């Protein structure tokens, strides 16, 4: 048997060996803190005349917008806190 034949067989058999499984790492999502702050409610319009009904509707719209923002930000804060607890 030629001396190169065992070496050749060893090299060819190692090429058929299964490769190691790739490592899968999940990276946590972390939102920037700048997205966790609501902007201040806009100032009331400087209209000359507003009826009481118009003023009430405007105030309710501002309050609803703030409540929606506060609810969403509270949910994001809970997600960030849960993410930090897993580390």
N, C-alpha and C. Protein backbone atom coordinates (compact mmCIF):
# COMPACT_ATOMS: atom_id res chain seq x y z
N UNK A 1 0.85 -1.17 0.00
CA UNK A 1 0.00 0.00 0.00
C UNK A 1 0.90 1.24 0.00
N UNK A 2 0.65 2.17 -0.90
CA UNK A 2 1.47 3.38 -0.93
C UNK A 2 1.26 4.20 0.35
N UNK A 3 2.31 4.89 0.83
CA UNK A 3 2.19 5.63 2.10
C UNK A 3 1.21 6.80 2.02
N UNK A 4 0.92 7.31 0.88
CA UNK A 4 0.01 8.45 0.78
C UNK A 4 -1.45 8.04 0.88
N UNK A 5 -1.74 6.76 0.64
CA UNK A 5 -3.13 6.30 0.65
C UNK A 5 -3.78 6.45 2.03
N UNK A 6 -3.16 6.04 3.15
CA UNK A 6 -3.82 6.24 4.46
C UNK A 6 -4.03 7.71 4.77
N UNK A 7 -3.06 8.54 4.40
CA UNK A 7 -3.21 9.98 4.64
C UNK A 7 -4.37 10.53 3.83
N UNK A 8 -4.49 10.12 2.60
CA UNK A 8 -5.57 10.58 1.73
C UNK A 8 -6.92 10.12 2.28
N UNK A 9 -7.00 8.89 2.74
CA UNK A 9 -8.25 8.36 3.32
C UNK A 9 -8.63 9.12 4.58
N UNK A 10 -7.65 9.46 5.41
CA UNK A 10 -7.93 10.20 6.64
C UNK A 10 -8.47 11.59 6.32
N UNK A 11 -7.90 12.26 5.35
CA UNK A 11 -8.37 13.59 4.97
C UNK A 11 -9.77 13.53 4.39
N UNK A 12 -10.04 12.55 3.55
CA UNK A 12 -11.36 12.45 2.94
C UNK A 12 -12.43 12.07 3.96
N UNK A 13 -12.11 11.24 4.93
CA UNK A 13 -13.12 10.85 5.91
C UNK A 13 -13.45 12.01 6.85
N UNK A 14 -12.51 12.89 7.12
CA UNK A 14 -12.80 14.03 8.00
C UNK A 14 -13.68 15.05 7.29
N UNK A 15 -13.68 15.07 5.97
CA UNK A 15 -14.54 16.01 5.25
C UNK A 15 -16.01 15.63 5.38
N UNK A 16 -16.28 14.39 5.66
CA UNK A 16 -17.66 13.92 5.79
C UNK A 16 -18.20 14.05 7.21
N UNK A 17 -17.38 14.48 8.13
CA UNK A 17 -17.82 14.60 9.52
C UNK A 17 -18.88 15.69 9.63
N UNK A 18 -19.90 15.49 10.47
CA UNK A 18 -20.93 16.51 10.62
C UNK A 18 -20.35 17.76 11.27
N UNK A 19 -20.81 18.89 10.79
CA UNK A 19 -20.36 20.16 11.35
C UNK A 19 -21.07 20.40 12.68
N UNK A 20 -20.44 21.13 13.55
CA UNK A 20 -21.06 21.47 14.84
C UNK A 20 -22.26 22.38 14.59
N UNK A 21 -23.30 22.21 15.38
CA UNK A 21 -24.50 23.03 15.24
C UNK A 21 -24.15 24.48 15.56
N UNK A 22 -24.67 25.44 14.79
CA UNK A 22 -24.37 26.84 15.07
C UNK A 22 -25.03 27.28 16.38
N UNK A 23 -24.39 28.16 17.07
CA UNK A 23 -24.94 28.68 18.32
C UNK A 23 -25.96 29.76 18.00
N UNK A 24 -27.13 29.67 18.60
CA UNK A 24 -28.18 30.65 18.38
C UNK A 24 -28.32 31.47 19.65
N UNK A 25 -28.15 32.77 19.51
CA UNK A 25 -28.29 33.67 20.66
C UNK A 25 -29.39 34.66 20.36
N UNK A 26 -30.31 34.82 21.29
CA UNK A 26 -31.37 35.80 21.16
C UNK A 26 -30.95 37.06 21.90
N UNK A 27 -31.01 38.17 21.22
CA UNK A 27 -30.65 39.44 21.84
C UNK A 27 -31.91 40.14 22.29
N UNK A 28 -31.96 40.62 23.52
CA UNK A 28 -33.17 41.28 24.01
C UNK A 28 -33.36 42.64 23.34
N UNK A 29 -34.61 43.00 23.20
CA UNK A 29 -34.96 44.30 22.64
C UNK A 29 -34.96 45.32 23.76
N UNK A 30 -34.23 46.37 23.59
CA UNK A 30 -34.18 47.44 24.58
C UNK A 30 -34.53 48.74 23.86
N UNK A 31 -35.61 49.36 24.29
CA UNK A 31 -36.04 50.61 23.67
C UNK A 31 -35.29 51.77 24.30
N UNK A 32 -35.00 52.79 23.51
CA UNK A 32 -34.31 53.96 24.07
C UNK A 32 -35.18 54.68 25.09
N UNK A 33 -34.55 55.18 26.13
CA UNK A 33 -35.28 55.87 27.19
C UNK A 33 -35.98 57.14 26.67
N UNK A 34 -35.47 57.73 25.60
CA UNK A 34 -36.09 58.94 25.05
C UNK A 34 -37.50 58.66 24.54
N UNK A 35 -37.80 57.41 24.21
CA UNK A 35 -39.14 57.06 23.74
C UNK A 35 -40.10 56.80 24.88
N UNK A 36 -39.64 56.89 26.10
CA UNK A 36 -40.47 56.58 27.26
C UNK A 36 -41.05 57.81 27.93
N UNK A 37 -41.01 58.92 27.26
CA UNK A 37 -41.49 60.17 27.86
C UNK A 37 -42.53 60.79 26.93
N UNK A 38 -43.68 61.14 27.50
CA UNK A 38 -44.71 61.81 26.70
C UNK A 38 -44.37 63.29 26.56
N UNK A 39 -44.71 63.82 25.43
CA UNK A 39 -44.58 65.26 25.25
C UNK A 39 -45.66 65.96 26.06
N UNK A 40 -45.39 67.18 26.43
CA UNK A 40 -46.39 67.94 27.18
C UNK A 40 -47.60 68.19 26.29
N UNK A 41 -48.76 68.27 26.91
CA UNK A 41 -49.98 68.55 26.16
C UNK A 41 -49.85 69.91 25.49
N UNK A 42 -50.29 70.01 24.25
CA UNK A 42 -50.18 71.30 23.57
C UNK A 42 -51.04 72.36 24.25
N UNK A 43 -50.63 73.59 24.07
CA UNK A 43 -51.37 74.72 24.66
C UNK A 43 -52.72 74.86 23.98
N UNK A 44 -53.65 75.39 24.71
CA UNK A 44 -54.98 75.62 24.14
C UNK A 44 -54.87 76.65 23.02
N UNK A 45 -55.67 76.50 21.97
CA UNK A 45 -55.60 77.47 20.88
C UNK A 45 -56.03 78.86 21.34
N UNK A 46 -55.40 79.84 20.77
CA UNK A 46 -55.70 81.22 21.13
C UNK A 46 -56.84 81.74 20.27
N UNK A 47 -57.99 81.10 20.38
CA UNK A 47 -59.17 81.54 19.62
C UNK A 47 -59.84 82.68 20.37
N UNK A 48 -60.46 83.56 19.60
CA UNK A 48 -61.12 84.69 20.24
C UNK A 48 -62.32 84.22 21.06
N UNK A 49 -63.09 83.29 20.49
CA UNK A 49 -64.28 82.81 21.18
C UNK A 49 -64.36 81.29 21.09
N UNK A 50 -64.55 80.67 22.23
CA UNK A 50 -64.86 79.25 22.29
C UNK A 50 -66.10 79.07 23.14
N UNK A 51 -67.01 78.28 22.65
CA UNK A 51 -68.18 77.99 23.48
C UNK A 51 -67.76 77.01 24.57
N UNK A 52 -68.62 76.89 25.56
CA UNK A 52 -68.31 75.94 26.63
C UNK A 52 -68.24 74.51 26.09
N UNK A 53 -69.08 74.19 25.13
CA UNK A 53 -69.07 72.86 24.53
C UNK A 53 -67.77 72.61 23.77
N UNK A 54 -67.31 73.62 23.00
CA UNK A 54 -66.05 73.47 22.25
C UNK A 54 -64.87 73.32 23.20
N UNK A 55 -64.89 74.11 24.26
CA UNK A 55 -63.80 74.03 25.24
C UNK A 55 -63.80 72.66 25.92
N UNK A 56 -64.98 72.17 26.27
CA UNK A 56 -65.06 70.86 26.92
C UNK A 56 -64.57 69.75 25.98
N UNK A 57 -64.98 69.81 24.70
CA UNK A 57 -64.53 68.80 23.73
C UNK A 57 -63.02 68.87 23.55
N UNK A 58 -62.48 70.07 23.51
CA UNK A 58 -61.03 70.23 23.35
C UNK A 58 -60.29 69.65 24.55
N UNK A 59 -60.76 69.94 25.74
CA UNK A 59 -60.12 69.42 26.94
C UNK A 59 -60.23 67.90 27.02
N UNK A 60 -61.36 67.35 26.63
CA UNK A 60 -61.51 65.90 26.62
C UNK A 60 -60.56 65.25 25.60
N UNK A 61 -60.37 65.90 24.46
CA UNK A 61 -59.47 65.36 23.44
C UNK A 61 -58.03 65.38 23.95
N UNK A 62 -57.62 66.45 24.60
CA UNK A 62 -56.27 66.51 25.17
C UNK A 62 -56.09 65.45 26.25
N UNK A 63 -57.11 65.29 27.10
CA UNK A 63 -57.01 64.30 28.17
C UNK A 63 -56.95 62.88 27.60
N UNK A 64 -57.72 62.60 26.57
CA UNK A 64 -57.70 61.27 25.95
C UNK A 64 -56.35 60.99 25.31
N UNK A 65 -55.77 62.00 24.65
CA UNK A 65 -54.46 61.82 24.02
C UNK A 65 -53.40 61.53 25.08
N UNK A 66 -53.45 62.25 26.17
CA UNK A 66 -52.47 62.03 27.24
C UNK A 66 -52.65 60.65 27.88
N UNK A 67 -53.90 60.26 28.12
CA UNK A 67 -54.16 58.95 28.74
C UNK A 67 -53.67 57.83 27.83
N UNK A 68 -53.86 57.97 26.51
CA UNK A 68 -53.39 56.96 25.57
C UNK A 68 -51.88 56.87 25.60
N UNK A 69 -51.22 58.01 25.60
CA UNK A 69 -49.75 58.03 25.64
C UNK A 69 -49.25 57.42 26.94
N UNK A 70 -49.86 57.79 28.05
CA UNK A 70 -49.42 57.26 29.34
C UNK A 70 -49.63 55.76 29.42
N UNK A 71 -50.73 55.24 28.86
CA UNK A 71 -50.99 53.81 28.88
C UNK A 71 -49.95 53.07 28.05
N UNK A 72 -49.65 53.58 26.85
CA UNK A 72 -48.67 52.93 25.98
C UNK A 72 -47.28 52.94 26.63
N UNK A 73 -46.90 54.05 27.20
CA UNK A 73 -45.59 54.12 27.82
C UNK A 73 -45.49 53.21 29.04
N UNK A 74 -46.56 53.06 29.78
CA UNK A 74 -46.53 52.14 30.92
C UNK A 74 -46.32 50.71 30.43
N UNK A 75 -46.93 50.35 29.31
CA UNK A 75 -46.75 49.01 28.75
C UNK A 75 -45.30 48.81 28.30
N UNK A 76 -44.71 49.82 27.68
CA UNK A 76 -43.32 49.72 27.23
C UNK A 76 -42.39 49.62 28.44
N UNK A 77 -42.67 50.38 29.48
CA UNK A 77 -41.84 50.30 30.68
C UNK A 77 -41.90 48.90 31.30
N UNK A 78 -43.10 48.29 31.30
CA UNK A 78 -43.22 46.92 31.82
C UNK A 78 -42.40 45.95 30.98
N UNK A 79 -42.41 46.13 29.66
CA UNK A 79 -41.61 45.27 28.79
C UNK A 79 -40.12 45.44 29.08
N UNK A 80 -39.68 46.67 29.21
CA UNK A 80 -38.27 46.93 29.50
C UNK A 80 -37.88 46.36 30.85
N UNK A 81 -38.75 46.48 31.84
CA UNK A 81 -38.44 45.96 33.18
C UNK A 81 -38.38 44.44 33.13
N UNK A 82 -39.28 43.80 32.40
CA UNK A 82 -39.25 42.34 32.28
C UNK A 82 -38.00 41.89 31.56
N UNK A 83 -37.57 42.65 30.56
CA UNK A 83 -36.37 42.31 29.81
C UNK A 83 -35.15 42.42 30.71
N UNK A 84 -35.10 43.44 31.54
CA UNK A 84 -33.95 43.62 32.43
C UNK A 84 -33.88 42.54 33.50
N UNK A 85 -35.04 41.99 33.89
CA UNK A 85 -35.06 40.93 34.92
C UNK A 85 -34.51 39.62 34.38
N UNK A 86 -34.56 39.42 33.04
CA UNK A 86 -34.11 38.17 32.46
C UNK A 86 -32.59 38.12 32.29
N UNK A 87 -31.94 39.22 32.41
CA UNK A 87 -30.49 39.27 32.19
C UNK A 87 -29.73 38.69 33.33
